[in-house]
Amino acid sequence: MFTPRNIPTDEVLQELGRNYPDLEINSVRACLAFLTTTAEVYEAFDTHFARYGLSMGKFTVLMQLLQASDTGLTPSECADRTNVTRGTITGLLDGLEREQLVQRQPHPADRRMLTVKLTIKGQELLDKMLPDHFCRTTGLMSNLSTEEKKIFVQLLAKLRAGTPVMREA
């Protein structure tokens, strides 16, 4: 994890810049600040979800099922909506089912498929958790003004637009 202690100083970045002309110090500094903040936010969310016996993955699945309400979702729809592999969703659903938060049922239109739905226990957990979750999310963002939050979303979209460069061969 990135922490303020292990981020290179400006002197180190300047030295690297002398050896690697493509290094643009402000870009590296901004990227490292973003990665450090992201790591801290993930750690905070992990702590928050653990209060309810959940991981971020399980919470995400529960929220997708909440949105699907009475119809439920197939496991492959859960995987697509949560942006995880089929294998990962199977593990998440197995855990949620063991905890009696979700239930797999035969699909009404195709007996080869399953539908996943929230159980009453799963709905009760979300009803208990979501007010606290939304309050904490608001608190996380409370140091930004309304206008800064709008700009932040726009800046993140611009950052996402640059991610293909990191994937190129």
N, C-alpha and C. Protein backbone atom coordinates (compact mmCIF):
# COMPACT_ATOMS: atom_id res chain seq x y z
N MET A 1 0.84 -1.18 0.00
CA MET A 1 0.00 0.00 0.00
C MET A 1 0.89 1.24 0.00
N PHE A 2 0.45 2.25 -0.71
CA PHE A 2 1.15 3.51 -0.73
C PHE A 2 0.84 4.27 0.54
N THR A 3 1.85 4.83 1.15
CA THR A 3 1.66 5.69 2.32
C THR A 3 2.52 6.92 2.14
N PRO A 4 2.22 7.99 2.87
CA PRO A 4 3.05 9.20 2.75
C PRO A 4 4.53 8.92 3.06
N ARG A 5 4.80 7.90 3.87
CA ARG A 5 6.18 7.59 4.24
C ARG A 5 6.98 7.02 3.07
N ASN A 6 6.33 6.30 2.17
CA ASN A 6 7.12 5.66 1.11
C ASN A 6 6.94 6.30 -0.26
N ILE A 7 6.35 7.47 -0.31
CA ILE A 7 6.24 8.20 -1.58
C ILE A 7 7.57 8.92 -1.80
N PRO A 8 8.12 8.83 -3.00
CA PRO A 8 9.39 9.51 -3.27
C PRO A 8 9.30 11.02 -3.04
N THR A 9 10.36 11.57 -2.50
CA THR A 9 10.43 13.02 -2.30
C THR A 9 10.63 13.71 -3.64
N ASP A 10 10.44 15.04 -3.64
CA ASP A 10 10.69 15.79 -4.87
C ASP A 10 12.13 15.64 -5.34
N GLU A 11 13.06 15.56 -4.37
CA GLU A 11 14.47 15.39 -4.75
C GLU A 11 14.68 14.06 -5.49
N VAL A 12 14.07 13.00 -4.99
CA VAL A 12 14.19 11.70 -5.64
C VAL A 12 13.55 11.75 -7.02
N LEU A 13 12.39 12.38 -7.13
CA LEU A 13 11.73 12.49 -8.44
C LEU A 13 12.57 13.31 -9.41
N GLN A 14 13.19 14.37 -8.92
CA GLN A 14 14.04 15.18 -9.80
C GLN A 14 15.25 14.39 -10.29
N GLU A 15 15.84 13.59 -9.40
CA GLU A 15 16.97 12.75 -9.79
C GLU A 15 16.53 11.74 -10.84
N LEU A 16 15.38 11.11 -10.61
CA LEU A 16 14.85 10.17 -11.59
C LEU A 16 14.59 10.88 -12.92
N GLY A 17 14.09 12.12 -12.84
CA GLY A 17 13.81 12.90 -14.05
C GLY A 17 15.06 13.17 -14.86
N ARG A 18 16.20 13.32 -14.19
CA ARG A 18 17.45 13.52 -14.92
C ARG A 18 17.85 12.24 -15.67
N ASN A 19 17.55 11.10 -15.08
CA ASN A 19 17.91 9.82 -15.70
C ASN A 19 16.87 9.34 -16.71
N TYR A 20 15.63 9.77 -16.54
CA TYR A 20 14.53 9.33 -17.40
C TYR A 20 13.76 10.55 -17.88
N PRO A 21 14.12 11.07 -19.06
CA PRO A 21 13.54 12.33 -19.55
C PRO A 21 12.02 12.31 -19.71
N ASP A 22 11.41 11.12 -19.86
CA ASP A 22 9.96 11.06 -20.01
C ASP A 22 9.22 11.25 -18.70
N LEU A 23 9.94 11.22 -17.58
CA LEU A 23 9.29 11.40 -16.28
C LEU A 23 8.85 12.85 -16.14
N GLU A 24 7.57 13.04 -15.96
CA GLU A 24 7.01 14.37 -15.73
C GLU A 24 6.60 14.39 -14.26
N ILE A 25 7.34 15.14 -13.45
CA ILE A 25 7.23 15.08 -12.00
C ILE A 25 5.80 15.33 -11.51
N ASN A 26 5.11 16.31 -12.04
CA ASN A 26 3.76 16.59 -11.57
C ASN A 26 2.80 15.44 -11.85
N SER A 27 2.99 14.74 -12.98
CA SER A 27 2.14 13.59 -13.29
C SER A 27 2.40 12.46 -12.30
N VAL A 28 3.67 12.18 -12.03
CA VAL A 28 4.01 11.12 -11.08
C VAL A 28 3.51 11.48 -9.69
N ARG A 29 3.72 12.72 -9.27
CA ARG A 29 3.27 13.16 -7.95
C ARG A 29 1.74 13.02 -7.82
N ALA A 30 1.00 13.44 -8.84
CA ALA A 30 -0.46 13.35 -8.81
C ALA A 30 -0.90 11.88 -8.78
N CYS A 31 -0.25 11.04 -9.57
CA CYS A 31 -0.60 9.63 -9.60
C CYS A 31 -0.35 8.98 -8.24
N LEU A 32 0.79 9.27 -7.63
CA LEU A 32 1.11 8.70 -6.32
C LEU A 32 0.14 9.19 -5.24
N ALA A 33 -0.25 10.46 -5.30
CA ALA A 33 -1.23 10.98 -4.34
C ALA A 33 -2.57 10.28 -4.52
N PHE A 34 -2.96 10.06 -5.77
CA PHE A 34 -4.21 9.35 -6.05
C PHE A 34 -4.15 7.93 -5.51
N LEU A 35 -3.05 7.21 -5.78
CA LEU A 35 -2.91 5.83 -5.32
C LEU A 35 -2.90 5.73 -3.80
N THR A 36 -2.24 6.66 -3.15
CA THR A 36 -2.21 6.67 -1.68
C THR A 36 -3.60 6.89 -1.12
N THR A 37 -4.31 7.86 -1.68
CA THR A 37 -5.67 8.15 -1.22
C THR A 37 -6.59 6.96 -1.48
N THR A 38 -6.47 6.36 -2.65
CA THR A 38 -7.29 5.19 -2.98
C THR A 38 -7.06 4.07 -1.99
N ALA A 39 -5.81 3.80 -1.66
CA ALA A 39 -5.49 2.74 -0.69
C ALA A 39 -6.10 3.05 0.67
N GLU A 40 -6.04 4.30 1.10
CA GLU A 40 -6.60 4.69 2.39
C GLU A 40 -8.13 4.57 2.39
N VAL A 41 -8.76 4.95 1.29
CA VAL A 41 -10.22 4.85 1.19
C VAL A 41 -10.64 3.39 1.20
N TYR A 42 -9.94 2.54 0.45
CA TYR A 42 -10.26 1.11 0.46
C TYR A 42 -10.11 0.53 1.86
N GLU A 43 -9.06 0.91 2.56
CA GLU A 43 -8.85 0.42 3.93
C GLU A 43 -9.99 0.87 4.84
N ALA A 44 -10.41 2.12 4.69
CA ALA A 44 -11.53 2.63 5.50
C ALA A 44 -12.82 1.88 5.18
N PHE A 45 -13.08 1.62 3.90
CA PHE A 45 -14.28 0.88 3.52
C PHE A 45 -14.22 -0.56 4.05
N ASP A 46 -13.04 -1.18 3.98
CA ASP A 46 -12.91 -2.54 4.52
C ASP A 46 -13.28 -2.57 5.99
N THR A 47 -12.81 -1.59 6.75
CA THR A 47 -13.13 -1.50 8.18
C THR A 47 -14.63 -1.31 8.37
N HIS A 48 -15.20 -0.43 7.58
CA HIS A 48 -16.64 -0.14 7.67
C HIS A 48 -17.46 -1.39 7.36
N PHE A 49 -17.17 -2.08 6.25
CA PHE A 49 -17.94 -3.26 5.88
C PHE A 49 -17.76 -4.39 6.88
N ALA A 50 -16.58 -4.49 7.47
CA ALA A 50 -16.32 -5.55 8.45
C ALA A 50 -17.24 -5.42 9.67
N ARG A 51 -17.66 -4.21 10.00
CA ARG A 51 -18.61 -4.00 11.11
C ARG A 51 -19.88 -4.82 10.91
N TYR A 52 -20.20 -5.07 9.65
CA TYR A 52 -21.43 -5.77 9.30
C TYR A 52 -21.15 -7.19 8.79
N GLY A 53 -19.91 -7.63 8.95
CA GLY A 53 -19.55 -8.98 8.51
C GLY A 53 -19.47 -9.12 7.00
N LEU A 54 -19.20 -8.02 6.32
CA LEU A 54 -19.18 -8.03 4.86
C LEU A 54 -17.81 -7.61 4.32
N SER A 55 -17.58 -7.94 3.08
CA SER A 55 -16.47 -7.40 2.31
C SER A 55 -17.07 -6.43 1.29
N MET A 56 -16.20 -5.69 0.62
CA MET A 56 -16.71 -4.79 -0.42
C MET A 56 -17.41 -5.59 -1.52
N GLY A 57 -16.86 -6.75 -1.88
CA GLY A 57 -17.47 -7.58 -2.91
C GLY A 57 -18.86 -8.05 -2.52
N LYS A 58 -19.00 -8.54 -1.29
CA LYS A 58 -20.31 -9.01 -0.83
C LYS A 58 -21.31 -7.85 -0.78
N PHE A 59 -20.85 -6.70 -0.29
CA PHE A 59 -21.73 -5.54 -0.23
C PHE A 59 -22.21 -5.15 -1.62
N THR A 60 -21.30 -5.17 -2.58
CA THR A 60 -21.65 -4.81 -3.96
C THR A 60 -22.70 -5.75 -4.52
N VAL A 61 -22.53 -7.04 -4.26
CA VAL A 61 -23.53 -8.02 -4.73
C VAL A 61 -24.88 -7.75 -4.08
N LEU A 62 -24.88 -7.53 -2.77
CA LEU A 62 -26.14 -7.26 -2.08
C LEU A 62 -26.84 -6.02 -2.65
N MET A 63 -26.06 -4.98 -2.97
CA MET A 63 -26.66 -3.77 -3.53
C MET A 63 -27.24 -4.03 -4.92
N GLN A 64 -26.58 -4.85 -5.72
CA GLN A 64 -27.11 -5.19 -7.03
C GLN A 64 -28.42 -5.97 -6.89
N LEU A 65 -28.47 -6.88 -5.93
CA LEU A 65 -29.69 -7.65 -5.71
C LEU A 65 -30.80 -6.76 -5.15
N LEU A 66 -30.45 -5.79 -4.34
CA LEU A 66 -31.45 -4.84 -3.83
C LEU A 66 -32.08 -4.08 -4.99
N GLN A 67 -31.27 -3.66 -5.93
CA GLN A 67 -31.79 -2.95 -7.10
C GLN A 67 -32.65 -3.84 -7.98
N ALA A 68 -32.32 -5.14 -8.02
CA ALA A 68 -33.10 -6.07 -8.84
C ALA A 68 -34.41 -6.44 -8.18
N SER A 69 -34.57 -6.11 -6.92
CA SER A 69 -35.75 -6.36 -6.08
C SER A 69 -36.33 -7.75 -6.26
N ASP A 70 -37.59 -7.84 -6.67
CA ASP A 70 -38.31 -9.11 -6.69
C ASP A 70 -37.84 -10.07 -7.79
N THR A 71 -37.30 -9.55 -8.87
CA THR A 71 -36.94 -10.43 -9.99
C THR A 71 -35.66 -11.20 -9.73
N GLY A 72 -34.75 -10.65 -8.95
CA GLY A 72 -33.47 -11.29 -8.72
C GLY A 72 -32.58 -11.21 -9.95
N LEU A 73 -31.41 -11.84 -9.87
CA LEU A 73 -30.45 -11.85 -10.96
C LEU A 73 -29.89 -13.25 -11.11
N THR A 74 -29.46 -13.58 -12.31
CA THR A 74 -28.74 -14.83 -12.49
C THR A 74 -27.31 -14.61 -11.97
N PRO A 75 -26.60 -15.68 -11.64
CA PRO A 75 -25.21 -15.50 -11.21
C PRO A 75 -24.36 -14.76 -12.25
N SER A 76 -24.58 -15.04 -13.54
CA SER A 76 -23.79 -14.33 -14.56
C SER A 76 -24.15 -12.84 -14.60
N GLU A 77 -25.41 -12.50 -14.37
CA GLU A 77 -25.78 -11.08 -14.30
C GLU A 77 -25.12 -10.43 -13.09
N CYS A 78 -25.07 -11.14 -11.97
CA CYS A 78 -24.38 -10.62 -10.78
C CYS A 78 -22.92 -10.33 -11.10
N ALA A 79 -22.27 -11.29 -11.79
CA ALA A 79 -20.86 -11.11 -12.15
C ALA A 79 -20.68 -9.90 -13.06
N ASP A 80 -21.53 -9.77 -14.07
CA ASP A 80 -21.42 -8.65 -15.00
C ASP A 80 -21.65 -7.32 -14.28
N ARG A 81 -22.65 -7.25 -13.44
CA ARG A 81 -22.98 -6.00 -12.76
C ARG A 81 -21.95 -5.59 -11.72
N THR A 82 -21.27 -6.56 -11.16
CA THR A 82 -20.26 -6.25 -10.14
C THR A 82 -18.85 -6.24 -10.72
N ASN A 83 -18.76 -6.53 -12.02
CA ASN A 83 -17.49 -6.49 -12.74
C ASN A 83 -16.45 -7.45 -12.16
N VAL A 84 -16.91 -8.69 -11.89
CA VAL A 84 -16.01 -9.75 -11.43
C VAL A 84 -16.18 -10.97 -12.32
N THR A 85 -15.27 -11.92 -12.18
CA THR A 85 -15.35 -13.14 -12.99
C THR A 85 -16.46 -14.04 -12.47
N ARG A 86 -16.82 -15.02 -13.28
CA ARG A 86 -17.84 -16.00 -12.88
C ARG A 86 -17.35 -16.77 -11.65
N GLY A 87 -16.06 -17.12 -11.62
CA GLY A 87 -15.51 -17.83 -10.47
C GLY A 87 -15.58 -17.01 -9.19
N THR A 88 -15.28 -15.72 -9.29
CA THR A 88 -15.33 -14.84 -8.12
C THR A 88 -16.76 -14.70 -7.63
N ILE A 89 -17.71 -14.57 -8.55
CA ILE A 89 -19.10 -14.40 -8.11
C ILE A 89 -19.60 -15.66 -7.44
N THR A 90 -19.16 -16.82 -7.90
CA THR A 90 -19.57 -18.06 -7.25
C THR A 90 -19.12 -18.07 -5.80
N GLY A 91 -17.88 -17.67 -5.55
CA GLY A 91 -17.38 -17.61 -4.18
C GLY A 91 -18.14 -16.61 -3.33
N LEU A 92 -18.42 -15.45 -3.89
CA LEU A 92 -19.18 -14.43 -3.15
C LEU A 92 -20.59 -14.93 -2.83
N LEU A 93 -21.24 -15.52 -3.83
CA LEU A 93 -22.60 -16.02 -3.61
C LEU A 93 -22.61 -17.19 -2.62
N ASP A 94 -21.61 -18.06 -2.70
CA ASP A 94 -21.53 -19.16 -1.72
C ASP A 94 -21.47 -18.61 -0.30
N GLY A 95 -20.62 -17.61 -0.08
CA GLY A 95 -20.50 -17.01 1.24
C GLY A 95 -21.78 -16.32 1.69
N LEU A 96 -22.38 -15.57 0.79
CA LEU A 96 -23.63 -14.88 1.13
C LEU A 96 -24.76 -15.87 1.40
N GLU A 97 -24.76 -16.97 0.67
CA GLU A 97 -25.79 -17.98 0.90
C GLU A 97 -25.56 -18.69 2.24
N ARG A 98 -24.31 -19.01 2.58
CA ARG A 98 -24.01 -19.62 3.88
C ARG A 98 -24.47 -18.72 5.03
N GLU A 99 -24.34 -17.41 4.82
CA GLU A 99 -24.75 -16.44 5.84
C GLU A 99 -26.24 -16.15 5.77
N GLN A 100 -26.94 -16.82 4.87
CA GLN A 100 -28.38 -16.70 4.68
C GLN A 100 -28.81 -15.29 4.28
N LEU A 101 -27.94 -14.60 3.55
CA LEU A 101 -28.26 -13.25 3.08
C LEU A 101 -28.84 -13.27 1.67
N VAL A 102 -28.53 -14.33 0.91
CA VAL A 102 -29.10 -14.51 -0.42
C VAL A 102 -29.57 -15.95 -0.54
N GLN A 103 -30.42 -16.16 -1.55
CA GLN A 103 -30.93 -17.50 -1.81
C GLN A 103 -30.90 -17.74 -3.32
N ARG A 104 -30.40 -18.90 -3.71
CA ARG A 104 -30.45 -19.31 -5.11
C ARG A 104 -31.72 -20.11 -5.30
N GLN A 105 -32.41 -19.81 -6.40
CA GLN A 105 -33.66 -20.50 -6.71
C GLN A 105 -33.66 -20.88 -8.19
N PRO A 106 -34.42 -21.89 -8.55
CA PRO A 106 -34.53 -22.20 -9.99
C PRO A 106 -35.07 -20.99 -10.75
N HIS A 107 -34.52 -20.78 -11.93
CA HIS A 107 -34.99 -19.67 -12.78
C HIS A 107 -36.40 -19.99 -13.26
N PRO A 108 -37.32 -19.03 -13.22
CA PRO A 108 -38.70 -19.32 -13.60
C PRO A 108 -38.89 -19.69 -15.07
N ALA A 109 -38.00 -19.21 -15.94
CA ALA A 109 -38.19 -19.46 -17.37
C ALA A 109 -37.24 -20.51 -17.94
N ASP A 110 -36.20 -20.86 -17.21
CA ASP A 110 -35.20 -21.79 -17.75
C ASP A 110 -34.65 -22.62 -16.60
N ARG A 111 -35.04 -23.87 -16.54
CA ARG A 111 -34.67 -24.70 -15.40
C ARG A 111 -33.18 -25.02 -15.35
N ARG A 112 -32.43 -24.71 -16.41
CA ARG A 112 -30.98 -24.90 -16.40
C ARG A 112 -30.28 -23.76 -15.66
N MET A 113 -31.00 -22.71 -15.36
CA MET A 113 -30.40 -21.52 -14.74
C MET A 113 -30.92 -21.33 -13.32
N LEU A 114 -30.21 -20.47 -12.60
CA LEU A 114 -30.61 -20.11 -11.24
C LEU A 114 -30.88 -18.62 -11.18
N THR A 115 -31.68 -18.22 -10.22
CA THR A 115 -31.90 -16.82 -9.90
C THR A 115 -31.43 -16.61 -8.47
N VAL A 116 -30.77 -15.50 -8.23
CA VAL A 116 -30.30 -15.16 -6.89
C VAL A 116 -31.13 -13.98 -6.39
N LYS A 117 -31.63 -14.13 -5.16
CA LYS A 117 -32.44 -13.07 -4.55
C LYS A 117 -31.98 -12.82 -3.13
N LEU A 118 -32.24 -11.60 -2.68
CA LEU A 118 -32.01 -11.28 -1.27
C LEU A 118 -32.98 -12.08 -0.41
N THR A 119 -32.51 -12.53 0.73
CA THR A 119 -33.42 -13.13 1.71
C THR A 119 -33.94 -12.02 2.62
N ILE A 120 -34.88 -12.37 3.47
CA ILE A 120 -35.37 -11.39 4.46
C ILE A 120 -34.20 -10.94 5.33
N LYS A 121 -33.34 -11.88 5.72
CA LYS A 121 -32.17 -11.54 6.54
C LYS A 121 -31.24 -10.58 5.80
N GLY A 122 -31.05 -10.80 4.50
CA GLY A 122 -30.23 -9.90 3.69
C GLY A 122 -30.83 -8.51 3.60
N GLN A 123 -32.15 -8.45 3.40
CA GLN A 123 -32.84 -7.16 3.34
C GLN A 123 -32.74 -6.44 4.68
N GLU A 124 -32.89 -7.18 5.77
CA GLU A 124 -32.80 -6.57 7.11
C GLU A 124 -31.40 -6.03 7.37
N LEU A 125 -30.37 -6.76 6.92
CA LEU A 125 -29.00 -6.28 7.09
C LEU A 125 -28.80 -4.96 6.34
N LEU A 126 -29.27 -4.90 5.10
CA LEU A 126 -29.14 -3.67 4.33
C LEU A 126 -29.95 -2.53 4.96
N ASP A 127 -31.15 -2.84 5.45
CA ASP A 127 -31.96 -1.80 6.10
C ASP A 127 -31.25 -1.23 7.32
N LYS A 128 -30.53 -2.09 8.02
CA LYS A 128 -29.78 -1.65 9.20
C LYS A 128 -28.52 -0.89 8.80
N MET A 129 -27.86 -1.37 7.76
CA MET A 129 -26.55 -0.85 7.38
C MET A 129 -26.59 0.43 6.55
N LEU A 130 -27.51 0.53 5.63
CA LEU A 130 -27.46 1.62 4.64
C LEU A 130 -27.54 3.02 5.24
N PRO A 131 -28.37 3.28 6.26
CA PRO A 131 -28.32 4.64 6.82
C PRO A 131 -26.93 5.00 7.32
N ASP A 132 -26.28 4.09 8.02
CA ASP A 132 -24.91 4.32 8.49
C ASP A 132 -23.95 4.45 7.32
N HIS A 133 -24.09 3.59 6.33
CA HIS A 133 -23.21 3.61 5.16
C HIS A 133 -23.30 4.95 4.43
N PHE A 134 -24.51 5.41 4.18
CA PHE A 134 -24.67 6.67 3.45
C PHE A 134 -24.20 7.86 4.28
N CYS A 135 -24.39 7.80 5.59
CA CYS A 135 -23.90 8.86 6.48
C CYS A 135 -22.37 8.91 6.43
N ARG A 136 -21.74 7.75 6.50
CA ARG A 136 -20.27 7.70 6.44
C ARG A 136 -19.74 8.12 5.08
N THR A 137 -20.44 7.76 4.01
CA THR A 137 -20.02 8.18 2.67
C THR A 137 -20.10 9.70 2.56
N THR A 138 -21.17 10.27 3.10
CA THR A 138 -21.29 11.73 3.12
C THR A 138 -20.15 12.34 3.93
N GLY A 139 -19.83 11.73 5.06
CA GLY A 139 -18.73 12.22 5.88
C GLY A 139 -17.39 12.14 5.16
N LEU A 140 -17.17 11.07 4.41
CA LEU A 140 -15.94 10.92 3.64
C LEU A 140 -15.76 12.08 2.67
N MET A 141 -16.84 12.50 2.07
CA MET A 141 -16.78 13.56 1.06
C MET A 141 -17.05 14.96 1.61
N SER A 142 -17.20 15.08 2.93
CA SER A 142 -17.65 16.33 3.53
C SER A 142 -16.65 17.49 3.43
N ASN A 143 -15.39 17.19 3.16
CA ASN A 143 -14.41 18.28 3.04
C ASN A 143 -14.43 18.93 1.66
N LEU A 144 -15.25 18.40 0.77
CA LEU A 144 -15.40 18.99 -0.56
C LEU A 144 -16.72 19.74 -0.65
N SER A 145 -16.68 20.89 -1.29
CA SER A 145 -17.92 21.64 -1.53
C SER A 145 -18.72 20.92 -2.62
N THR A 146 -19.95 21.33 -2.79
CA THR A 146 -20.78 20.75 -3.85
C THR A 146 -20.12 20.91 -5.20
N GLU A 147 -19.58 22.07 -5.47
CA GLU A 147 -18.91 22.31 -6.75
C GLU A 147 -17.65 21.46 -6.88
N GLU A 148 -16.88 21.33 -5.80
CA GLU A 148 -15.68 20.49 -5.83
C GLU A 148 -16.02 19.03 -6.10
N LYS A 149 -17.14 18.56 -5.55
CA LYS A 149 -17.56 17.18 -5.80
C LYS A 149 -17.87 16.98 -7.28
N LYS A 150 -18.52 17.95 -7.91
CA LYS A 150 -18.81 17.85 -9.34
C LYS A 150 -17.51 17.84 -10.16
N ILE A 151 -16.59 18.71 -9.79
CA ILE A 151 -15.30 18.78 -10.49
C ILE A 151 -14.52 17.48 -10.27
N PHE A 152 -14.57 16.96 -9.05
CA PHE A 152 -13.88 15.71 -8.72
C PHE A 152 -14.37 14.57 -9.61
N VAL A 153 -15.67 14.47 -9.79
CA VAL A 153 -16.24 13.42 -10.66
C VAL A 153 -15.74 13.62 -12.09
N GLN A 154 -15.70 14.86 -12.55
CA GLN A 154 -15.21 15.13 -13.90
C GLN A 154 -13.73 14.78 -14.04
N LEU A 155 -12.94 15.11 -13.03
CA LEU A 155 -11.51 14.80 -13.06
C LEU A 155 -11.27 13.29 -13.04
N LEU A 156 -12.06 12.57 -12.26
CA LEU A 156 -11.92 11.11 -12.23
C LEU A 156 -12.26 10.50 -13.58
N ALA A 157 -13.25 11.06 -14.26
CA ALA A 157 -13.60 10.56 -15.60
C ALA A 157 -12.43 10.79 -16.56
N LYS A 158 -11.78 11.93 -16.44
CA LYS A 158 -10.61 12.20 -17.29
C LYS A 158 -9.48 11.23 -16.96
N LEU A 159 -9.29 10.94 -15.68
CA LEU A 159 -8.25 10.00 -15.28
C LEU A 159 -8.55 8.60 -15.84
N ARG A 160 -9.82 8.18 -15.72
CA ARG A 160 -10.23 6.87 -16.26
C ARG A 160 -9.96 6.79 -17.77
N ALA A 161 -10.14 7.90 -18.45
CA ALA A 161 -9.92 7.92 -19.91
C ALA A 161 -8.46 7.63 -20.25
N GLY A 162 -7.55 7.85 -19.31
CA GLY A 162 -6.14 7.59 -19.56
C GLY A 162 -5.70 6.18 -19.21
N THR A 163 -6.57 5.39 -18.58
CA THR A 163 -6.14 4.06 -18.14
C THR A 163 -5.74 3.11 -19.27
N PRO A 164 -6.28 3.23 -20.48
CA PRO A 164 -5.81 2.31 -21.53
C PRO A 164 -4.31 2.38 -21.79
N VAL A 165 -3.70 3.52 -21.55
CA VAL A 165 -2.26 3.67 -21.76
C VAL A 165 -1.48 2.71 -20.87
N MET A 166 -1.97 2.45 -19.67
CA MET A 166 -1.28 1.53 -18.74
C MET A 166 -1.44 0.08 -19.17
N ARG A 167 -2.44 -0.21 -19.98
CA ARG A 167 -2.72 -1.60 -20.41
C ARG A 167 -2.02 -1.97 -21.71
N GLU A 168 -1.57 -0.98 -22.47
CA GLU A 168 -0.99 -1.24 -23.78
C GLU A 168 0.24 -2.13 -23.66
N ALA A 169 0.41 -2.96 -24.66
CA ALA A 169 1.58 -3.86 -24.68
C ALA A 169 2.84 -3.10 -25.02
